Amino acid sequence: MGKNTPDEVEIEVVESIVLIGAEESYWLLSGEEYLSAMLSAEEFYPTPVIYYEYDSMYELNMDLEEGVLLNSLWGIHPGIIGRLRREELIKEERK
C-alpha cells in the first residue's frame, strides 16, 4: 500500500502512563517506555497521566494483578507527582 490516501490514515496507538499510589508513595504500573520522558519533561509522553490513588497500602496490594509486587515496580518521586498536578497533566481517580 504505498502512500496514504485521504481514506487511509495511519493511526499510532499510544498507551497511557498509569501510576498508582497510597500513603504518599507512588509507582509506575504501566508505560515504562515513557518513564524517562515523563521524569525529564523534555520529550513526548502521553498525557494525561492516569493516577489511581488508594486509601491504604493494603487496598493497593489487594488490587494488583496476581504476581505483581510493588518492589518490582519503578518508584516515582513525590516531586514528579507534584509537577504533573501543577501542570495539569494528570488525571486522578480514587480507588
PDB file of N, CA and C in Angstrom:
ATOM      1  N   MET A   1       0.822  -1.176   0.000  1.00  0.00           N
ATOM      2  CA  MET A   1       0.000   0.000   0.000  1.00  0.00           C
ATOM      3  C   MET A   1       0.864   1.236   0.000  1.00  0.00           C
ATOM      4  N   GLY A   2       1.506   1.784  -0.729  1.00  0.00           N
ATOM      5  CA  GLY A   2       2.359   2.950  -0.772  1.00  0.00           C
ATOM      6  C   GLY A   2       1.912   4.096   0.093  1.00  0.00           C
ATOM      7  N   LYS A   3       1.606   5.203  -0.521  1.00  0.00           N
ATOM      8  CA  LYS A   3       1.232   6.408   0.216  1.00  0.00           C
ATOM      9  C   LYS A   3      -0.195   6.289   0.746  1.00  0.00           C
ATOM     10  N   ASN A   4      -0.432   7.031   1.808  1.00  0.00           N
ATOM     11  CA  ASN A   4      -1.787   7.063   2.373  1.00  0.00           C
ATOM     12  C   ASN A   4      -2.676   7.963   1.532  1.00  0.00           C
ATOM     13  N   THR A   5      -3.819   7.463   1.169  1.00  0.00           N
ATOM     14  CA  THR A   5      -4.819   8.291   0.513  1.00  0.00           C
ATOM     15  C   THR A   5      -5.624   8.960   1.615  1.00  0.00           C
ATOM     16  N   PRO A   6      -6.464   9.943   1.284  1.00  0.00           N
ATOM     17  CA  PRO A   6      -7.262  10.586   2.330  1.00  0.00           C
ATOM     18  C   PRO A   6      -8.097   9.608   3.151  1.00  0.00           C
ATOM     19  N   ASP A   7      -8.452   8.458   2.566  1.00  0.00           N
ATOM     20  CA  ASP A   7      -9.247   7.480   3.306  1.00  0.00           C
ATOM     21  C   ASP A   7      -8.386   6.517   4.116  1.00  0.00           C
ATOM     22  N   GLU A   8      -7.074   6.534   3.897  1.00  0.00           N
ATOM     23  CA  GLU A   8      -6.161   5.630   4.597  1.00  0.00           C
ATOM     24  C   GLU A   8      -5.194   6.451   5.430  1.00  0.00           C
ATOM     25  N   VAL A   9      -5.492   6.609   6.682  1.00  0.00           N
ATOM     26  CA  VAL A   9      -4.632   7.370   7.572  1.00  0.00           C
ATOM     27  C   VAL A   9      -4.089   6.417   8.619  1.00  0.00           C
ATOM     28  N   GLU A  10      -2.774   6.434   8.785  1.00  0.00           N
ATOM     29  CA  GLU A  10      -2.168   5.596   9.812  1.00  0.00           C
ATOM     30  C   GLU A  10      -2.379   6.251  11.160  1.00  0.00           C
ATOM     31  N   ILE A  11      -2.877   5.492  12.099  1.00  0.00           N
ATOM     32  CA  ILE A  11      -3.093   5.998  13.448  1.00  0.00           C
ATOM     33  C   ILE A  11      -2.207   5.193  14.379  1.00  0.00           C
ATOM     34  N   GLU A  12      -1.342   5.915  15.092  1.00  0.00           N
ATOM     35  CA  GLU A  12      -0.464   5.258  16.046  1.00  0.00           C
ATOM     36  C   GLU A  12      -1.154   5.252  17.402  1.00  0.00           C
ATOM     37  N   VAL A  13      -1.359   4.078  17.955  1.00  0.00           N
ATOM     38  CA  VAL A  13      -1.987   3.963  19.261  1.00  0.00           C
ATOM     39  C   VAL A  13      -0.896   4.086  20.318  1.00  0.00           C
ATOM     40  N   VAL A  14      -1.087   5.017  21.224  1.00  0.00           N
ATOM     41  CA  VAL A  14      -0.109   5.256  22.282  1.00  0.00           C
ATOM     42  C   VAL A  14      -0.731   4.834  23.602  1.00  0.00           C
ATOM     43  N   GLU A  15      -0.036   3.978  24.309  1.00  0.00           N
ATOM     44  CA  GLU A  15      -0.508   3.528  25.611  1.00  0.00           C
ATOM     45  C   GLU A  15      -0.391   4.659  26.624  1.00  0.00           C
ATOM     46  N   SER A  16      -1.251   4.657  27.609  1.00  0.00           N
ATOM     47  CA  SER A  16      -1.192   5.647  28.674  1.00  0.00           C
ATOM     48  C   SER A  16      -0.138   5.261  29.702  1.00  0.00           C
ATOM     49  N   ILE A  17       0.346   6.266  30.392  1.00  0.00           N
ATOM     50  CA  ILE A  17       1.173   6.024  31.570  1.00  0.00           C
ATOM     51  C   ILE A  17       0.197   5.880  32.730  1.00  0.00           C
ATOM     52  N   VAL A  18       0.360   4.813  33.501  1.00  0.00           N
ATOM     53  CA  VAL A  18      -0.520   4.578  34.646  1.00  0.00           C
ATOM     54  C   VAL A  18       0.340   4.520  35.905  1.00  0.00           C
ATOM     55  N   LEU A  19       0.002   5.388  36.852  1.00  0.00           N
ATOM     56  CA  LEU A  19       0.666   5.418  38.147  1.00  0.00           C
ATOM     57  C   LEU A  19      -0.319   4.984  39.213  1.00  0.00           C
ATOM     58  N   ILE A  20       0.205   4.393  40.275  1.00  0.00           N
ATOM     59  CA  ILE A  20      -0.615   4.013  41.418  1.00  0.00           C
ATOM     60  C   ILE A  20       0.057   4.556  42.668  1.00  0.00           C
ATOM     61  N   GLY A  21      -0.727   4.777  43.696  1.00  0.00           N
ATOM     62  CA  GLY A  21      -0.124   5.284  44.915  1.00  0.00           C
ATOM     63  C   GLY A  21      -1.022   5.141  46.118  1.00  0.00           C
ATOM     64  N   ALA A  22      -0.372   5.194  47.277  1.00  0.00           N
ATOM     65  CA  ALA A  22      -1.064   5.172  48.561  1.00  0.00           C
ATOM     66  C   ALA A  22      -0.103   5.722  49.602  1.00  0.00           C
ATOM     67  N   GLU A  23      -0.661   6.416  50.574  1.00  0.00           N
ATOM     68  CA  GLU A  23       0.125   6.888  51.710  1.00  0.00           C
ATOM     69  C   GLU A  23       1.367   7.666  51.264  1.00  0.00           C
ATOM     70  N   GLU A  24       1.200   8.529  50.269  1.00  0.00           N
ATOM     71  CA  GLU A  24       2.246   9.406  49.743  1.00  0.00           C
ATOM     72  C   GLU A  24       3.435   8.647  49.130  1.00  0.00           C
ATOM     73  N   SER A  25       3.176   7.457  48.629  1.00  0.00           N
ATOM     74  CA  SER A  25       4.158   6.678  47.873  1.00  0.00           C
ATOM     75  C   SER A  25       3.555   6.387  46.511  1.00  0.00           C
ATOM     76  N   TYR A  26       4.397   6.377  45.459  1.00  0.00           N
ATOM     77  CA  TYR A  26       3.902   6.286  44.090  1.00  0.00           C
ATOM     78  C   TYR A  26       4.748   5.312  43.280  1.00  0.00           C
ATOM     79  N   TRP A  27       4.075   4.594  42.349  1.00  0.00           N
ATOM     80  CA  TRP A  27       4.752   3.633  41.490  1.00  0.00           C
ATOM     81  C   TRP A  27       4.216   3.711  40.073  1.00  0.00           C
ATOM     82  N   LEU A  28       5.070   3.335  39.138  1.00  0.00           N
ATOM     83  CA  LEU A  28       4.685   3.236  37.729  1.00  0.00           C
ATOM     84  C   LEU A  28       4.109   1.846  37.490  1.00  0.00           C
ATOM     85  N   LEU A  29       2.847   1.769  37.108  1.00  0.00           N
ATOM     86  CA  LEU A  29       2.216   0.479  36.839  1.00  0.00           C
ATOM     87  C   LEU A  29       2.369   0.090  35.374  1.00  0.00           C
ATOM     88  N   SER A  30       2.245   1.057  34.464  1.00  0.00           N
ATOM     89  CA  SER A  30       2.454   0.768  33.041  1.00  0.00           C
ATOM     90  C   SER A  30       2.906   2.038  32.327  1.00  0.00           C
ATOM     91  N   GLY A  31       3.578   1.839  31.198  1.00  0.00           N
ATOM     92  CA  GLY A  31       4.104   2.951  30.417  1.00  0.00           C
ATOM     93  C   GLY A  31       5.586   3.162  30.619  1.00  0.00           C
ATOM     94  N   GLU A  32       6.290   2.081  30.953  1.00  0.00           N
ATOM     95  CA  GLU A  32       7.726   2.180  31.242  1.00  0.00           C
ATOM     96  C   GLU A  32       8.517   2.807  30.095  1.00  0.00           C
ATOM     97  N   GLU A  33       8.050   2.609  28.852  1.00  0.00           N
ATOM     98  CA  GLU A  33       8.768   3.170  27.709  1.00  0.00           C
ATOM     99  C   GLU A  33       8.777   4.700  27.724  1.00  0.00           C
ATOM    100  N   TYR A  34       7.886   5.318  28.497  1.00  0.00           N
ATOM    101  CA  TYR A  34       7.811   6.778  28.593  1.00  0.00           C
ATOM    102  C   TYR A  34       8.325   7.311  29.926  1.00  0.00           C
ATOM    103  N   LEU A  35       8.875   6.443  30.762  1.00  0.00           N
ATOM    104  CA  LEU A  35       9.301   6.845  32.103  1.00  0.00           C
ATOM    105  C   LEU A  35      10.322   7.979  32.065  1.00  0.00           C
ATOM    106  N   SER A  36      11.357   7.821  31.290  1.00  0.00           N
ATOM    107  CA  SER A  36      12.407   8.846  31.213  1.00  0.00           C
ATOM    108  C   SER A  36      11.851  10.180  30.724  1.00  0.00           C
ATOM    109  N   ALA A  37      10.996  10.136  29.728  1.00  0.00           N
ATOM    110  CA  ALA A  37      10.403  11.364  29.186  1.00  0.00           C
ATOM    111  C   ALA A  37       9.528  12.048  30.230  1.00  0.00           C
ATOM    112  N   MET A  38       8.755  11.269  30.970  1.00  0.00           N
ATOM    113  CA  MET A  38       7.896  11.855  31.994  1.00  0.00           C
ATOM    114  C   MET A  38       8.736  12.478  33.104  1.00  0.00           C
ATOM    115  N   LEU A  39       9.801  11.795  33.502  1.00  0.00           N
ATOM    116  CA  LEU A  39      10.640  12.311  34.578  1.00  0.00           C
ATOM    117  C   LEU A  39      11.349  13.593  34.178  1.00  0.00           C
ATOM    118  N   SER A  40      11.834  13.646  32.949  1.00  0.00           N
ATOM    119  CA  SER A  40      12.599  14.812  32.494  1.00  0.00           C
ATOM    120  C   SER A  40      11.715  15.924  31.950  1.00  0.00           C
ATOM    121  N   ALA A  41      10.522  15.587  31.490  1.00  0.00           N
ATOM    122  CA  ALA A  41       9.596  16.544  30.864  1.00  0.00           C
ATOM    123  C   ALA A  41      10.230  17.214  29.645  1.00  0.00           C
ATOM    124  N   GLU A  42      11.187  16.539  29.007  1.00  0.00           N
ATOM    125  CA  GLU A  42      11.867  17.113  27.843  1.00  0.00           C
ATOM    126  C   GLU A  42      11.540  16.392  26.546  1.00  0.00           C
ATOM    127  N   GLU A  43      10.806  15.279  26.627  1.00  0.00           N
ATOM    128  CA  GLU A  43      10.434  14.505  25.450  1.00  0.00           C
ATOM    129  C   GLU A  43       8.933  14.231  25.499  1.00  0.00           C
ATOM    130  N   PHE A  44       8.407  13.724  24.389  1.00  0.00           N
ATOM    131  CA  PHE A  44       6.990  13.372  24.335  1.00  0.00           C
ATOM    132  C   PHE A  44       6.672  12.230  25.294  1.00  0.00           C
ATOM    133  N   TYR A  45       5.564  12.362  25.975  1.00  0.00           N
ATOM    134  CA  TYR A  45       4.948  11.248  26.699  1.00  0.00           C
ATOM    135  C   TYR A  45       3.443  11.487  26.691  1.00  0.00           C
ATOM    136  N   PRO A  46       2.666  10.407  26.683  1.00  0.00           N
ATOM    137  CA  PRO A  46       1.212  10.558  26.582  1.00  0.00           C
ATOM    138  C   PRO A  46       0.618  11.201  27.839  1.00  0.00           C
ATOM    139  N   THR A  47      -0.266  12.157  27.605  1.00  0.00           N
ATOM    140  CA  THR A  47      -0.967  12.798  28.704  1.00  0.00           C
ATOM    141  C   THR A  47      -2.462  12.761  28.404  1.00  0.00           C
ATOM    142  N   PRO A  48      -3.311  12.786  29.379  1.00  0.00           N
ATOM    143  CA  PRO A  48      -2.937  12.892  30.775  1.00  0.00           C
ATOM    144  C   PRO A  48      -2.385  11.567  31.301  1.00  0.00           C
ATOM    145  N   VAL A  49      -1.514  11.688  32.292  1.00  0.00           N
ATOM    146  CA  VAL A  49      -1.024  10.515  33.010  1.00  0.00           C
ATOM    147  C   VAL A  49      -2.172  10.069  33.913  1.00  0.00           C
ATOM    148  N   ILE A  50      -2.448   8.785  33.931  1.00  0.00           N
ATOM    149  CA  ILE A  50      -3.535   8.236  34.755  1.00  0.00           C
ATOM    150  C   ILE A  50      -2.958   7.880  36.119  1.00  0.00           C
ATOM    151  N   TYR A  51      -3.617   8.315  37.165  1.00  0.00           N
ATOM    152  CA  TYR A  51      -3.149   8.031  38.528  1.00  0.00           C
ATOM    153  C   TYR A  51      -4.306   7.497  39.368  1.00  0.00           C
ATOM    154  N   TYR A  52      -4.105   6.312  39.928  1.00  0.00           N
ATOM    155  CA  TYR A  52      -5.086   5.697  40.818  1.00  0.00           C
ATOM    156  C   TYR A  52      -4.557   5.790  42.245  1.00  0.00           C
ATOM    157  N   GLU A  53      -5.304   6.480  43.095  1.00  0.00           N
ATOM    158  CA  GLU A  53      -4.900   6.649  44.487  1.00  0.00           C
ATOM    159  C   GLU A  53      -5.728   5.740  45.381  1.00  0.00           C
ATOM    160  N   TYR A  54      -5.046   4.995  46.227  1.00  0.00           N
ATOM    161  CA  TYR A  54      -5.693   4.065  47.139  1.00  0.00           C
ATOM    162  C   TYR A  54      -5.658   4.634  48.551  1.00  0.00           C
ATOM    163  N   ASP A  55      -6.642   4.280  49.351  1.00  0.00           N
ATOM    164  CA  ASP A  55      -6.708   4.768  50.725  1.00  0.00           C
ATOM    165  C   ASP A  55      -5.638   4.145  51.612  1.00  0.00           C
ATOM    166  N   SER A  56      -5.165   2.962  51.251  1.00  0.00           N
ATOM    167  CA  SER A  56      -4.159   2.289  52.080  1.00  0.00           C
ATOM    168  C   SER A  56      -3.282   1.388  51.217  1.00  0.00           C
ATOM    169  N   MET A  57      -2.136   1.055  51.757  1.00  0.00           N
ATOM    170  CA  MET A  57      -1.249   0.125  51.062  1.00  0.00           C
ATOM    171  C   MET A  57      -1.912  -1.249  50.941  1.00  0.00           C
ATOM    172  N   TYR A  58      -2.682  -1.619  51.947  1.00  0.00           N
ATOM    173  CA  TYR A  58      -3.384  -2.906  51.897  1.00  0.00           C
ATOM    174  C   TYR A  58      -4.317  -2.952  50.692  1.00  0.00           C
ATOM    175  N   GLU A  59      -5.136  -1.907  50.504  1.00  0.00           N
ATOM    176  CA  GLU A  59      -6.071  -1.885  49.379  1.00  0.00           C
ATOM    177  C   GLU A  59      -5.332  -1.893  48.049  1.00  0.00           C
ATOM    178  N   LEU A  60      -4.222  -1.155  47.972  1.00  0.00           N
ATOM    179  CA  LEU A  60      -3.430  -1.137  46.744  1.00  0.00           C
ATOM    180  C   LEU A  60      -2.915  -2.542  46.427  1.00  0.00           C
ATOM    181  N   ASN A  61      -2.329  -3.188  47.414  1.00  0.00           N
ATOM    182  CA  ASN A  61      -1.786  -4.537  47.203  1.00  0.00           C
ATOM    183  C   ASN A  61      -2.871  -5.541  46.835  1.00  0.00           C
ATOM    184  N   MET A  62      -4.056  -5.390  47.411  1.00  0.00           N
ATOM    185  CA  MET A  62      -5.147  -6.313  47.103  1.00  0.00           C
ATOM    186  C   MET A  62      -5.656  -6.133  45.670  1.00  0.00           C
ATOM    187  N   ASP A  63      -5.451  -4.953  45.083  1.00  0.00           N
ATOM    188  CA  ASP A  63      -5.964  -4.659  43.748  1.00  0.00           C
ATOM    189  C   ASP A  63      -4.960  -5.001  42.637  1.00  0.00           C
ATOM    190  N   LEU A  64      -3.703  -5.241  42.991  1.00  0.00           N
ATOM    191  CA  LEU A  64      -2.701  -5.580  41.977  1.00  0.00           C
ATOM    192  C   LEU A  64      -2.989  -6.947  41.376  1.00  0.00           C
ATOM    193  N   GLU A  65      -2.653  -7.084  40.102  1.00  0.00           N
ATOM    194  CA  GLU A  65      -2.811  -8.389  39.452  1.00  0.00           C
ATOM    195  C   GLU A  65      -1.923  -9.408  40.151  1.00  0.00           C
ATOM    196  N   GLU A  66      -2.341 -10.654  40.100  1.00  0.00           N
ATOM    197  CA  GLU A  66      -1.566 -11.721  40.721  1.00  0.00           C
ATOM    198  C   GLU A  66      -0.153 -11.744  40.139  1.00  0.00           C
ATOM    199  N   GLY A  67       0.823 -11.824  41.007  1.00  0.00           N
ATOM    200  CA  GLY A  67       2.218 -11.890  40.566  1.00  0.00           C
ATOM    201  C   GLY A  67       2.903 -10.535  40.458  1.00  0.00           C
ATOM    202  N   VAL A  68       2.146  -9.437  40.552  1.00  0.00           N
ATOM    203  CA  VAL A  68       2.742  -8.099  40.508  1.00  0.00           C
ATOM    204  C   VAL A  68       3.058  -7.672  41.937  1.00  0.00           C
ATOM    205  N   LEU A  69       4.324  -7.368  42.182  1.00  0.00           N
ATOM    206  CA  LEU A  69       4.761  -6.935  43.507  1.00  0.00           C
ATOM    207  C   LEU A  69       5.231  -5.490  43.435  1.00  0.00           C
ATOM    208  N   LEU A  70       4.905  -4.703  44.444  1.00  0.00           N
ATOM    209  CA  LEU A  70       5.309  -3.303  44.439  1.00  0.00           C
ATOM    210  C   LEU A  70       6.812  -3.124  44.306  1.00  0.00           C
ATOM    211  N   ASN A  71       7.577  -4.020  44.950  1.00  0.00           N
ATOM    212  CA  ASN A  71       9.033  -3.855  44.874  1.00  0.00           C
ATOM    213  C   ASN A  71       9.599  -4.173  43.494  1.00  0.00           C
ATOM    214  N   SER A  72       8.759  -4.638  42.574  1.00  0.00           N
ATOM    215  CA  SER A  72       9.222  -4.873  41.202  1.00  0.00           C
ATOM    216  C   SER A  72       8.855  -3.705  40.283  1.00  0.00           C
ATOM    217  N   LEU A  73       8.138  -2.698  40.815  1.00  0.00           N
ATOM    218  CA  LEU A  73       7.720  -1.544  40.022  1.00  0.00           C
ATOM    219  C   LEU A  73       8.656  -0.361  40.271  1.00  0.00           C
ATOM    220  N   TRP A  74       8.742   0.530  39.281  1.00  0.00           N
ATOM    221  CA  TRP A  74       9.528   1.756  39.440  1.00  0.00           C
ATOM    222  C   TRP A  74       8.832   2.661  40.447  1.00  0.00           C
ATOM    223  N   GLY A  75       9.584   3.150  41.424  1.00  0.00           N
ATOM    224  CA  GLY A  75       9.066   4.147  42.349  1.00  0.00           C
ATOM    225  C   GLY A  75       9.123   5.519  41.687  1.00  0.00           C
ATOM    226  N   ILE A  76       8.142   6.352  41.957  1.00  0.00           N
ATOM    227  CA  ILE A  76       8.081   7.704  41.390  1.00  0.00           C
ATOM    228  C   ILE A  76       8.186   8.708  42.532  1.00  0.00           C
ATOM    229  N   HIS A  77       9.096   9.649  42.400  1.00  0.00           N
ATOM    230  CA  HIS A  77       9.317  10.658  43.432  1.00  0.00           C
ATOM    231  C   HIS A  77       8.074  11.542  43.579  1.00  0.00           C
ATOM    232  N   PRO A  78       7.686  11.873  44.808  1.00  0.00           N
ATOM    233  CA  PRO A  78       6.520  12.741  45.012  1.00  0.00           C
ATOM    234  C   PRO A  78       6.624  14.081  44.278  1.00  0.00           C
ATOM    235  N   GLY A  79       7.826  14.574  44.060  1.00  0.00           N
ATOM    236  CA  GLY A  79       8.002  15.829  43.328  1.00  0.00           C
ATOM    237  C   GLY A  79       7.522  15.727  41.890  1.00  0.00           C
ATOM    238  N   ILE A  80       7.636  14.550  41.284  1.00  0.00           N
ATOM    239  CA  ILE A  80       7.143  14.342  39.917  1.00  0.00           C
ATOM    240  C   ILE A  80       5.623  14.407  39.907  1.00  0.00           C
ATOM    241  N   ILE A  81       4.993  13.794  40.902  1.00  0.00           N
ATOM    242  CA  ILE A  81       3.534  13.853  41.009  1.00  0.00           C
ATOM    243  C   ILE A  81       3.104  15.303  41.189  1.00  0.00           C
ATOM    244  N   GLY A  82       3.819  16.040  42.015  1.00  0.00           N
ATOM    245  CA  GLY A  82       3.515  17.450  42.223  1.00  0.00           C
ATOM    246  C   GLY A  82       3.607  18.259  40.936  1.00  0.00           C
ATOM    247  N   ARG A  83       4.647  18.005  40.140  1.00  0.00           N
ATOM    248  CA  ARG A  83       4.800  18.722  38.862  1.00  0.00           C
ATOM    249  C   ARG A  83       3.660  18.389  37.915  1.00  0.00           C
ATOM    250  N   LEU A  84       3.314  17.102  37.819  1.00  0.00           N
ATOM    251  CA  LEU A  84       2.209  16.699  36.946  1.00  0.00           C
ATOM    252  C   LEU A  84       0.909  17.379  37.370  1.00  0.00           C
ATOM    253  N   ARG A  85       0.694  17.501  38.666  1.00  0.00           N
ATOM    254  CA  ARG A  85      -0.511  18.182  39.164  1.00  0.00           C
ATOM    255  C   ARG A  85      -0.477  19.668  38.820  1.00  0.00           C
ATOM    256  N   ARG A  86       0.650  20.320  39.083  1.00  0.00           N
ATOM    257  CA  ARG A  86       0.757  21.765  38.791  1.00  0.00           C
ATOM    258  C   ARG A  86       0.543  22.059  37.319  1.00  0.00           C
ATOM    259  N   GLU A  87       1.083  21.178  36.453  1.00  0.00           N
ATOM    260  CA  GLU A  87       0.971  21.383  35.017  1.00  0.00           C
ATOM    261  C   GLU A  87      -0.316  20.798  34.438  1.00  0.00           C
ATOM    262  N   GLU A  88      -1.170  20.257  35.321  1.00  0.00           N
ATOM    263  CA  GLU A  88      -2.450  19.675  34.935  1.00  0.00           C
ATOM    264  C   GLU A  88      -2.311  18.601  33.855  1.00  0.00           C
ATOM    265  N   LEU A  89      -1.314  17.727  34.076  1.00  0.00           N
ATOM    266  CA  LEU A  89      -1.045  16.631  33.133  1.00  0.00           C
ATOM    267  C   LEU A  89      -1.423  15.280  33.714  1.00  0.00           C
ATOM    268  N   ILE A  90      -2.197  15.289  34.783  1.00  0.00           N
ATOM    269  CA  ILE A  90      -2.527  14.036  35.471  1.00  0.00           C
ATOM    270  C   ILE A  90      -4.041  13.963  35.678  1.00  0.00           C
ATOM    271  N   LYS A  91      -4.569  12.775  35.483  1.00  0.00           N
ATOM    272  CA  LYS A  91      -5.997  12.517  35.730  1.00  0.00           C
ATOM    273  C   LYS A  91      -6.051  11.575  36.921  1.00  0.00           C
ATOM    274  N   GLU A  92      -6.593  12.052  38.025  1.00  0.00           N
ATOM    275  CA  GLU A  92      -6.590  11.285  39.269  1.00  0.00           C
ATOM    276  C   GLU A  92      -7.937  10.642  39.550  1.00  0.00           C
ATOM    277  N   GLU A  93      -7.857   9.437  40.084  1.00  0.00           N
ATOM    278  CA  GLU A  93      -9.069   8.697  40.456  1.00  0.00           C
ATOM    279  C   GLU A  93      -8.796   7.944  41.749  1.00  0.00           C
ATOM    280  N   ARG A  94      -9.711   8.061  42.687  1.00  0.00           N
ATOM    281  CA  ARG A  94      -9.579   7.305  43.936  1.00  0.00           C
ATOM    282  C   ARG A  94     -10.122   5.899  43.730  1.00  0.00           C
ATOM    283  N   LYS A  95      -9.435   4.941  44.273  1.00  0.00           N
ATOM    284  CA  LYS A  95      -9.875   3.551  44.193  1.00  0.00           C
ATOM    285  C   LYS A  95     -10.437   3.111  45.516  1.00  0.00           C
TER     286      LYS A  95
END
